[in-house]
Amino acid sequence: MLTVADRQFIQKHLNDDLHRLLLSAHRYPGVSVPAAVGQIEALRKVHSKIPAWYNTGLEFPPGLSVEQASSEQTARFKAGLFSGKTMADLTGGMGVDTYFFAQRFEQVTYVEHNPELVALARHNFGVLGAANITAIQTDAETFLNHNTAHFDLLYLDPARRDGGHRRLFRLEDCAPNILEIKEKLLETADRVLIKTAPLLDLNQATGLLQSVSHIWVVSVDNEVKEVLYLLEKSAPAFDQVPIEAVCIGETLRVFRHTRLEEQATESRYAAPQGYLYEPDAAVLKAGAFRAFAAQLGLWKLHANTHLYTSGELVPNVPGRMFSVEAVLRYDRREVQRFLPEGRANIAVRNFPDSTEQVRQRLGLADGGEWYIFGATDMAEHKILIVCRKVSGFC
């Protein structure tokens, strides 16, 4: 744990050059400069990722723990889904999720096998005034085998790195292996919330877990951060499980559908009209392609081109919205006549060339107010849709 001298050093040098501090460590006798610099580095990450934890009285573990911890935005979202008397976080880690769940439940149990993380979590919960959290040092399997209490909710975020720090995502490769302890989890709690790697296929995971009653795909600023599966003994049929794409940005927007809706929906196709819509990454990960168009009254450009269009602006679409200024051939001269400043943001959807290949062929620099989407339309033509942004990410 940090000494008083270490804490004073951290407070004084929060905004200083860390490399210079390390080089001048001899000037600070009585201070563990490497440890203090590590804390400053962690605090800088925490400042933007977990603002509620930006407190020099807290202590953070070295290495990847801060980067792997939930952000405050996603932790608050998860906690806001539930409330009750008791819950347990069986993969406590840094304790960020535990802390926010503790604001929704009367009593919370934090379970973590790493003794260093447990010691830091106990200290931090005390500093933060989270007196309703009990920290236990053990692993999830041992806790379940010795536990006699029943919980309203269990939460698990299985470790997704092996000893060589390779990223893992299959359920059976993570620790704990949810598939092996699923029945015990459902005996111990009314509801079990599982966080998985964004790479994991939703249909595959649902089929393996079997008791899935709800799925949330959570993005922050158009990047999928978490996929959450709620397990309950009484769960709907596979194709009727509600799937919510939760888009966290300047505003919170949610798109909800089921696999049955997606399968039963017929797409409508049209050439680019007055407005173009690029769904948020969470919507695409959730597999809402036809349902997205149907619920919002949009037209799809092509079966495999996940861009949508409308004649009039449809507000509050979970994604980016653009006004269509021109539809051009994939031709350098034509584009440069339309954009004499020679600058645009380029993206491709169902297009033979990559973004960089398009940029080189068109001779355009990156950036500016113009956006160009290379896409395939309903007539199988390769087109360039030139747009201006109407609003930001959801």
Protein backbone atom coordinates (compact mmCIF):
# COMPACT_ATOMS: atom_id res chain seq x y z
CA MET A 1 0.00 0.00 0.00
CA LEU A 2 1.11 3.59 -0.59
CA THR A 3 2.69 5.65 2.19
CA VAL A 4 1.72 9.19 3.17
CA ALA A 5 4.83 10.44 1.32
CA ASP A 6 3.80 8.52 -1.80
CA ARG A 7 0.32 10.09 -1.72
CA GLN A 8 1.71 13.59 -1.28
CA PHE A 9 4.02 13.00 -4.23
CA ILE A 10 1.11 11.81 -6.38
CA GLN A 11 -1.01 14.82 -5.48
CA LYS A 12 1.82 17.24 -6.26
CA HIS A 13 2.91 15.67 -9.56
CA LEU A 14 -0.41 14.61 -11.14
CA ASN A 15 0.23 16.66 -14.27
CA ASP A 16 4.01 16.31 -14.56
CA ASP A 17 6.07 14.45 -17.15
CA LEU A 18 6.23 10.85 -15.89
CA HIS A 19 9.43 9.96 -17.70
CA ARG A 20 11.25 12.87 -16.09
CA LEU A 21 9.91 11.92 -12.67
CA LEU A 22 11.33 8.40 -13.04
CA LEU A 23 14.70 9.75 -14.14
CA SER A 24 14.85 12.08 -11.13
CA ALA A 25 13.73 9.49 -8.56
CA HIS A 26 16.89 10.10 -6.50
CA ARG A 27 15.60 13.57 -5.66
CA TYR A 28 12.70 12.10 -3.67
CA PRO A 29 14.08 9.99 -0.80
CA GLY A 30 11.37 8.23 1.13
CA VAL A 31 9.09 8.03 -1.91
CA SER A 32 8.58 4.91 -4.00
CA VAL A 33 8.71 6.88 -7.24
CA PRO A 34 8.04 3.96 -9.65
CA ALA A 35 4.94 2.95 -7.66
CA ALA A 36 3.75 6.56 -7.40
CA VAL A 37 4.27 7.16 -11.12
CA GLY A 38 2.28 3.99 -11.83
CA GLN A 39 -0.56 5.40 -9.75
CA ILE A 40 -0.46 8.72 -11.59
CA GLU A 41 -0.59 6.88 -14.90
CA ALA A 42 -3.58 4.85 -13.68
CA LEU A 43 -5.33 7.98 -12.39
CA ARG A 44 -4.99 9.61 -15.79
CA LYS A 45 -6.76 6.65 -17.38
CA VAL A 46 -9.38 6.62 -14.64
CA HIS A 47 -10.07 10.34 -15.10
CA SER A 48 -11.75 9.73 -18.47
CA LYS A 49 -12.84 6.11 -18.06
CA ILE A 50 -14.22 6.12 -14.50
CA PRO A 51 -14.67 9.77 -13.42
CA ALA A 52 -16.32 8.80 -10.12
CA TRP A 53 -13.06 7.06 -9.17
CA TYR A 54 -10.76 9.99 -9.90
CA ASN A 55 -9.58 10.23 -6.32
CA THR A 56 -5.96 10.32 -5.15
CA GLY A 57 -7.01 8.36 -2.07
CA LEU A 58 -7.70 5.30 -4.24
CA GLU A 59 -5.08 2.75 -5.25
CA PHE A 60 -4.90 0.95 -8.56
CA PRO A 61 -3.21 -2.29 -9.62
CA PRO A 62 -0.36 -2.28 -12.15
CA GLY A 63 -0.61 -3.64 -15.66
CA LEU A 64 -3.77 -4.25 -17.63
CA SER A 65 -6.37 -4.10 -14.85
CA VAL A 66 -7.41 -0.47 -15.38
CA GLU A 67 -7.67 -0.94 -19.15
CA GLN A 68 -9.69 -4.14 -18.73
CA ALA A 69 -12.08 -2.69 -16.14
CA SER A 70 -15.56 -1.57 -17.17
CA SER A 71 -15.99 2.08 -17.95
CA GLU A 72 -18.25 4.14 -15.73
CA GLN A 73 -20.73 4.47 -18.61
CA THR A 74 -21.12 0.72 -19.13
CA ALA A 75 -21.00 -0.06 -15.39
CA ARG A 76 -23.78 2.44 -14.67
CA PHE A 77 -25.85 0.99 -17.51
CA LYS A 78 -25.51 -2.59 -16.24
CA ALA A 79 -26.30 -1.63 -12.66
CA GLY A 80 -29.31 0.38 -13.80
CA LEU A 81 -30.93 -2.74 -15.22
CA PHE A 82 -31.39 -4.34 -11.80
CA SER A 83 -32.11 -3.66 -8.15
CA GLY A 84 -32.84 -5.75 -5.08
CA LYS A 85 -31.55 -6.95 -1.74
CA THR A 86 -28.51 -9.09 -2.57
CA MET A 87 -26.15 -9.62 -5.48
CA ALA A 88 -22.67 -11.01 -5.96
CA ASP A 89 -19.98 -10.12 -8.46
CA LEU A 90 -18.10 -13.40 -8.86
CA THR A 91 -15.27 -11.95 -10.97
CA GLY A 92 -14.63 -8.76 -9.01
CA GLY A 93 -11.39 -7.54 -10.58
CA MET A 94 -10.84 -3.85 -9.84
CA GLY A 95 -14.36 -3.66 -8.39
CA VAL A 96 -15.80 -1.04 -10.75
CA ASP A 97 -18.92 -3.05 -11.63
CA THR A 98 -19.27 -4.13 -8.00
CA TYR A 99 -19.22 -0.51 -6.84
CA PHE A 100 -22.01 0.58 -9.17
CA PHE A 101 -24.12 -2.51 -8.43
CA ALA A 102 -23.78 -1.56 -4.74
CA GLN A 103 -25.75 1.60 -5.48
CA ARG A 104 -28.69 -0.57 -6.59
CA PHE A 105 -28.60 -3.45 -4.09
CA GLU A 106 -28.73 -3.44 -0.30
CA GLN A 107 -25.89 -5.97 0.14
CA VAL A 108 -23.22 -6.85 -2.40
CA THR A 109 -20.55 -9.55 -2.31
CA TYR A 110 -17.31 -9.01 -4.20
CA VAL A 111 -15.48 -12.24 -5.09
CA GLU A 112 -11.95 -12.20 -6.50
CA HIS A 113 -9.15 -14.81 -6.40
CA ASN A 114 -6.23 -12.35 -6.75
CA PRO A 115 -5.17 -11.28 -3.22
CA GLU A 116 -3.65 -7.99 -4.41
CA LEU A 117 -6.86 -6.98 -6.16
CA VAL A 118 -8.91 -7.94 -3.10
CA ALA A 119 -6.74 -5.78 -0.82
CA LEU A 120 -6.98 -2.81 -3.19
CA ALA A 121 -10.73 -3.25 -3.62
CA ARG A 122 -11.30 -3.29 0.15
CA HIS A 123 -9.27 -0.10 0.48
CA ASN A 124 -11.05 1.62 -2.41
CA PHE A 125 -14.55 0.62 -1.30
CA GLY A 126 -13.73 2.13 2.09
CA VAL A 127 -12.49 5.40 0.57
CA LEU A 128 -15.59 5.56 -1.64
CA GLY A 129 -17.92 4.91 1.29
CA ALA A 130 -19.36 1.69 -0.16
CA ALA A 131 -19.99 0.08 3.22
CA ASN A 132 -22.51 -2.43 1.83
CA ILE A 133 -19.85 -4.42 -0.06
CA THR A 134 -18.24 -7.53 1.47
CA ALA A 135 -15.01 -8.60 -0.25
CA ILE A 136 -14.06 -12.29 -0.31
CA GLN A 137 -10.81 -13.73 -1.64
CA THR A 138 -11.61 -16.91 -3.55
CA ASP A 139 -12.54 -17.99 -7.06
CA ALA A 140 -16.07 -18.21 -8.41
CA GLU A 141 -16.22 -22.01 -8.39
CA THR A 142 -15.07 -22.30 -4.77
CA PHE A 143 -17.47 -19.58 -3.68
CA LEU A 144 -20.41 -21.36 -5.32
CA ASN A 145 -19.46 -24.71 -3.77
CA HIS A 146 -19.33 -23.29 -0.23
CA ASN A 147 -22.08 -20.70 -0.45
CA THR A 148 -25.45 -21.35 1.22
CA ALA A 149 -27.13 -18.00 0.50
CA HIS A 150 -29.50 -17.21 -2.35
CA PHE A 151 -28.98 -14.03 -4.38
CA ASP A 152 -31.23 -11.84 -6.46
CA LEU A 153 -28.47 -11.49 -9.06
CA LEU A 154 -25.07 -12.96 -9.88
CA TYR A 155 -22.71 -11.18 -12.26
CA LEU A 156 -19.70 -12.67 -14.02
CA ASP A 157 -17.18 -11.21 -16.45
CA PRO A 158 -14.96 -14.25 -17.19
CA ALA A 159 -11.25 -13.57 -17.71
CA ARG A 160 -10.47 -13.48 -21.41
CA ARG A 161 -6.66 -13.66 -21.40
CA ASP A 162 -4.50 -16.71 -20.93
CA GLY A 163 -1.08 -16.79 -19.22
CA GLY A 164 0.54 -15.51 -22.41
CA HIS A 165 -1.89 -12.56 -22.52
CA ARG A 166 -3.56 -13.83 -25.69
CA ARG A 167 -7.12 -12.58 -26.09
CA LEU A 168 -9.68 -15.35 -25.75
CA PHE A 169 -13.38 -15.16 -26.47
CA ARG A 170 -14.94 -18.65 -26.55
CA LEU A 171 -16.96 -19.39 -23.42
CA GLU A 172 -15.12 -22.63 -22.77
CA ASP A 173 -11.71 -20.91 -22.96
CA CYS A 174 -12.50 -18.26 -20.34
CA ALA A 175 -12.22 -18.46 -16.56
CA PRO A 176 -14.51 -19.39 -15.02
CA ASN A 177 -16.01 -21.65 -17.68
CA ILE A 178 -19.65 -20.57 -17.57
CA LEU A 179 -20.81 -23.71 -19.35
CA GLU A 180 -19.44 -25.89 -16.54
CA ILE A 181 -20.99 -23.92 -13.67
CA LYS A 182 -24.22 -22.69 -15.30
CA GLU A 183 -26.54 -25.00 -13.39
CA LYS A 184 -24.95 -24.07 -10.07
CA LEU A 185 -25.28 -20.39 -10.94
CA LEU A 186 -29.00 -20.75 -11.62
CA GLU A 187 -29.47 -22.64 -8.34
CA THR A 188 -27.74 -19.80 -6.47
CA ALA A 189 -29.57 -16.82 -7.95
CA ASP A 190 -32.83 -15.88 -9.63
CA ARG A 191 -30.92 -14.13 -12.41
CA VAL A 192 -27.38 -14.45 -13.75
CA LEU A 193 -25.79 -11.71 -15.87
CA ILE A 194 -22.86 -12.78 -18.06
CA LYS A 195 -20.53 -10.37 -19.87
CA THR A 196 -18.76 -11.85 -22.88
CA ALA A 197 -16.19 -10.72 -25.42
CA PRO A 198 -17.71 -8.61 -28.23
CA LEU A 199 -16.20 -11.03 -30.78
CA LEU A 200 -18.35 -13.94 -29.62
CA ASP A 201 -21.21 -14.76 -32.00
CA LEU A 202 -24.60 -14.04 -30.40
CA ASN A 203 -26.37 -17.03 -31.89
CA GLN A 204 -23.58 -19.40 -30.90
CA ALA A 205 -23.44 -18.06 -27.34
CA THR A 206 -27.21 -18.21 -26.94
CA GLY A 207 -27.27 -21.79 -28.19
CA LEU A 208 -24.55 -22.84 -25.75
CA LEU A 209 -25.97 -21.03 -22.73
CA GLN A 210 -29.58 -22.10 -23.52
CA SER A 211 -31.19 -20.27 -20.58
CA VAL A 212 -30.87 -16.78 -22.11
CA SER A 213 -33.82 -14.47 -21.43
CA HIS A 214 -32.36 -11.16 -22.67
CA ILE A 215 -29.32 -9.85 -24.57
CA TRP A 216 -27.80 -6.37 -24.52
CA VAL A 217 -25.15 -5.28 -27.02
CA VAL A 218 -23.58 -2.13 -25.57
CA SER A 219 -21.55 0.36 -27.59
CA VAL A 220 -19.84 3.59 -26.57
CA ASP A 221 -19.29 6.13 -29.34
CA ASN A 222 -20.03 3.52 -32.02
CA GLU A 223 -17.64 0.88 -30.64
CA VAL A 224 -19.07 -2.31 -29.15
CA LYS A 225 -17.70 -2.63 -25.62
CA GLU A 226 -19.81 -5.34 -23.99
CA VAL A 227 -22.30 -8.06 -24.80
CA LEU A 228 -24.48 -9.05 -21.85
CA TYR A 229 -26.58 -12.21 -21.52
CA LEU A 230 -29.21 -12.57 -18.81
CA LEU A 231 -29.80 -16.18 -17.74
CA GLU A 232 -33.00 -17.30 -16.02
CA LYS A 233 -34.52 -20.71 -15.46
CA SER A 234 -37.62 -19.63 -17.37
CA ALA A 235 -36.38 -18.24 -20.69
CA PRO A 236 -38.16 -17.63 -24.00
CA ALA A 237 -37.58 -19.67 -27.13
CA PHE A 238 -34.31 -19.04 -28.97
CA ASP A 239 -35.85 -16.85 -31.69
CA GLN A 240 -37.92 -14.80 -29.23
CA VAL A 241 -35.11 -13.64 -26.92
CA PRO A 242 -35.19 -9.81 -26.84
CA ILE A 243 -31.97 -8.32 -28.19
CA GLU A 244 -31.24 -4.68 -27.37
CA ALA A 245 -28.60 -2.60 -29.11
CA VAL A 246 -27.68 0.02 -26.52
CA CYS A 247 -25.86 3.00 -28.05
CA ILE A 248 -24.17 5.23 -25.49
CA GLY A 249 -22.96 8.58 -26.77
CA GLU A 250 -24.12 12.16 -26.45
CA THR A 251 -27.54 10.58 -25.89
CA LEU A 252 -28.61 7.02 -25.08
CA ARG A 253 -30.46 5.29 -27.90
CA VAL A 254 -31.78 1.75 -27.86
CA PHE A 255 -32.93 -0.52 -30.68
CA ARG A 256 -34.78 -3.69 -29.72
CA HIS A 257 -35.72 -6.68 -31.82
CA THR A 258 -35.86 -10.50 -31.79
CA ARG A 259 -34.45 -13.03 -34.21
CA LEU A 260 -38.03 -13.93 -35.17
CA GLU A 261 -38.72 -10.33 -36.18
CA GLU A 262 -35.53 -10.20 -38.22
CA GLN A 263 -36.32 -13.45 -40.01
CA ALA A 264 -39.95 -12.51 -40.71
CA THR A 265 -39.19 -9.05 -42.09
CA GLU A 266 -38.99 -8.42 -45.83
CA SER A 267 -36.57 -5.70 -46.87
CA ARG A 268 -37.51 -2.77 -49.09
CA TYR A 269 -34.83 -1.49 -51.42
CA ALA A 270 -34.23 1.93 -52.96
CA ALA A 271 -31.54 4.07 -54.49
CA PRO A 272 -30.05 6.71 -52.17
CA GLN A 273 -32.64 9.37 -51.40
CA GLY A 274 -32.31 12.58 -49.41
CA TYR A 275 -30.81 11.01 -46.30
CA LEU A 276 -28.43 8.16 -45.58
CA TYR A 277 -28.12 6.21 -42.30
CA GLU A 278 -25.21 4.16 -41.03
CA PRO A 279 -26.38 1.96 -38.11
CA ASP A 280 -24.40 2.03 -34.87
CA ALA A 281 -21.96 -0.83 -34.38
CA ALA A 282 -24.21 -2.24 -31.62
CA VAL A 283 -27.14 -2.51 -34.06
CA LEU A 284 -25.01 -4.40 -36.57
CA LYS A 285 -23.57 -6.70 -33.89
CA ALA A 286 -27.11 -7.39 -32.69
CA GLY A 287 -27.97 -8.66 -36.17
CA ALA A 288 -30.73 -6.12 -36.81
CA PHE A 289 -30.52 -5.58 -40.56
CA ARG A 290 -34.04 -5.96 -41.97
CA ALA A 291 -35.74 -5.17 -38.64
CA PHE A 292 -33.78 -1.91 -38.41
CA ALA A 293 -35.22 -0.70 -41.70
CA ALA A 294 -38.74 -1.90 -40.95
CA GLN A 295 -39.06 -0.36 -37.49
CA LEU A 296 -37.67 3.00 -38.59
CA GLY A 297 -39.39 3.19 -41.96
CA LEU A 298 -36.16 3.14 -43.95
CA TRP A 299 -35.13 1.63 -47.27
CA LYS A 300 -32.08 -0.59 -47.68
CA LEU A 301 -29.63 0.05 -50.53
CA HIS A 302 -28.87 -3.65 -51.14
CA ALA A 303 -29.32 -6.95 -49.31
CA ASN A 304 -25.63 -6.96 -48.33
CA THR A 305 -25.10 -3.20 -48.04
CA HIS A 306 -25.94 -2.18 -44.50
CA LEU A 307 -26.71 1.42 -45.35
CA TYR A 308 -30.23 2.82 -45.29
CA THR A 309 -32.03 5.74 -46.86
CA SER A 310 -35.18 7.88 -46.68
CA GLY A 311 -36.65 10.88 -48.46
CA GLU A 312 -37.36 12.79 -45.25
CA LEU A 313 -35.11 12.89 -42.21
CA VAL A 314 -35.97 10.26 -39.60
CA PRO A 315 -34.78 11.60 -36.21
CA ASN A 316 -33.20 9.66 -33.35
CA VAL A 317 -31.86 6.84 -35.48
CA PRO A 318 -29.28 4.81 -33.51
CA GLY A 319 -26.34 5.55 -35.75
CA ARG A 320 -24.93 8.29 -37.95
CA MET A 321 -27.18 10.35 -40.21
CA PHE A 322 -26.16 12.14 -43.38
CA SER A 323 -27.73 14.37 -46.01
CA VAL A 324 -27.09 12.99 -49.49
CA GLU A 325 -25.53 15.67 -51.71
CA ALA A 326 -24.68 13.55 -54.77
CA VAL A 327 -24.44 9.99 -56.08
CA LEU A 328 -21.39 9.62 -58.34
CA ARG A 329 -19.70 7.00 -60.43
CA TYR A 330 -16.49 5.49 -59.11
CA ASP A 331 -14.47 7.92 -61.18
CA ARG A 332 -11.61 10.18 -60.08
CA ARG A 333 -12.40 13.11 -62.38
CA GLU A 334 -16.09 13.14 -61.50
CA VAL A 335 -15.35 13.16 -57.78
CA GLN A 336 -12.69 15.84 -58.02
CA ARG A 337 -15.02 18.08 -60.02
CA PHE A 338 -17.56 17.77 -57.21
CA LEU A 339 -14.98 18.14 -54.43
CA PRO A 340 -12.38 20.59 -55.74
CA GLU A 341 -10.86 20.92 -52.24
CA GLY A 342 -9.77 17.27 -52.58
CA ARG A 343 -10.64 16.13 -49.06
CA ALA A 344 -13.25 13.74 -47.64
CA ASN A 345 -13.91 11.06 -45.01
CA ILE A 346 -14.23 7.73 -46.80
CA ALA A 347 -15.97 4.50 -45.80
CA VAL A 348 -16.95 1.42 -47.79
CA ARG A 349 -19.89 -0.97 -47.42
CA ASN A 350 -20.21 -4.02 -49.70
CA PHE A 351 -17.64 -2.52 -52.05
CA PRO A 352 -14.75 -4.22 -53.91
CA ASP A 353 -12.04 -1.80 -52.79
CA SER A 354 -10.85 -0.92 -49.29
CA THR A 355 -11.07 2.57 -47.81
CA GLU A 356 -7.40 3.21 -48.56
CA GLN A 357 -7.70 1.90 -52.12
CA VAL A 358 -10.66 4.22 -52.73
CA ARG A 359 -8.74 7.16 -51.30
CA GLN A 360 -5.75 6.50 -53.55
CA ARG A 361 -7.86 5.95 -56.67
CA LEU A 362 -9.80 9.17 -56.08
CA GLY A 363 -6.71 11.15 -55.04
CA LEU A 364 -8.36 12.53 -51.89
CA ALA A 365 -6.88 13.57 -48.57
CA ASP A 366 -8.56 12.49 -45.34
CA GLY A 367 -10.87 14.69 -43.25
CA GLY A 368 -13.09 17.71 -43.80
CA GLU A 369 -16.86 18.10 -43.81
CA TRP A 370 -17.57 15.73 -46.71
CA TYR A 371 -18.22 11.99 -46.38
CA ILE A 372 -18.06 9.47 -49.21
CA PHE A 373 -19.54 5.99 -48.92
CA GLY A 374 -18.47 3.44 -51.49
CA ALA A 375 -21.35 0.98 -51.79
CA THR A 376 -23.22 -1.46 -54.00
CA ASP A 377 -26.79 -0.41 -54.82
CA MET A 378 -29.91 -2.45 -55.52
CA ALA A 379 -28.97 -2.67 -59.23
CA GLU A 380 -25.51 -4.07 -58.34
CA HIS A 381 -23.82 -0.82 -59.41
CA LYS A 382 -20.71 0.36 -57.54
CA ILE A 383 -21.54 3.91 -56.48
CA LEU A 384 -20.11 6.72 -54.39
CA ILE A 385 -22.57 8.50 -52.09
CA VAL A 386 -21.35 11.99 -51.23
CA CYS A 387 -22.82 13.29 -47.95
CA ARG A 388 -22.65 15.79 -45.16
CA LYS A 389 -23.15 14.71 -41.55
CA VAL A 390 -26.48 15.60 -39.99
CA SER A 391 -25.77 14.45 -36.44
CA GLY A 392 -23.16 12.52 -34.49
CA PHE A 393 -23.11 8.99 -33.18
CA CYS A 394 -25.96 7.91 -30.97
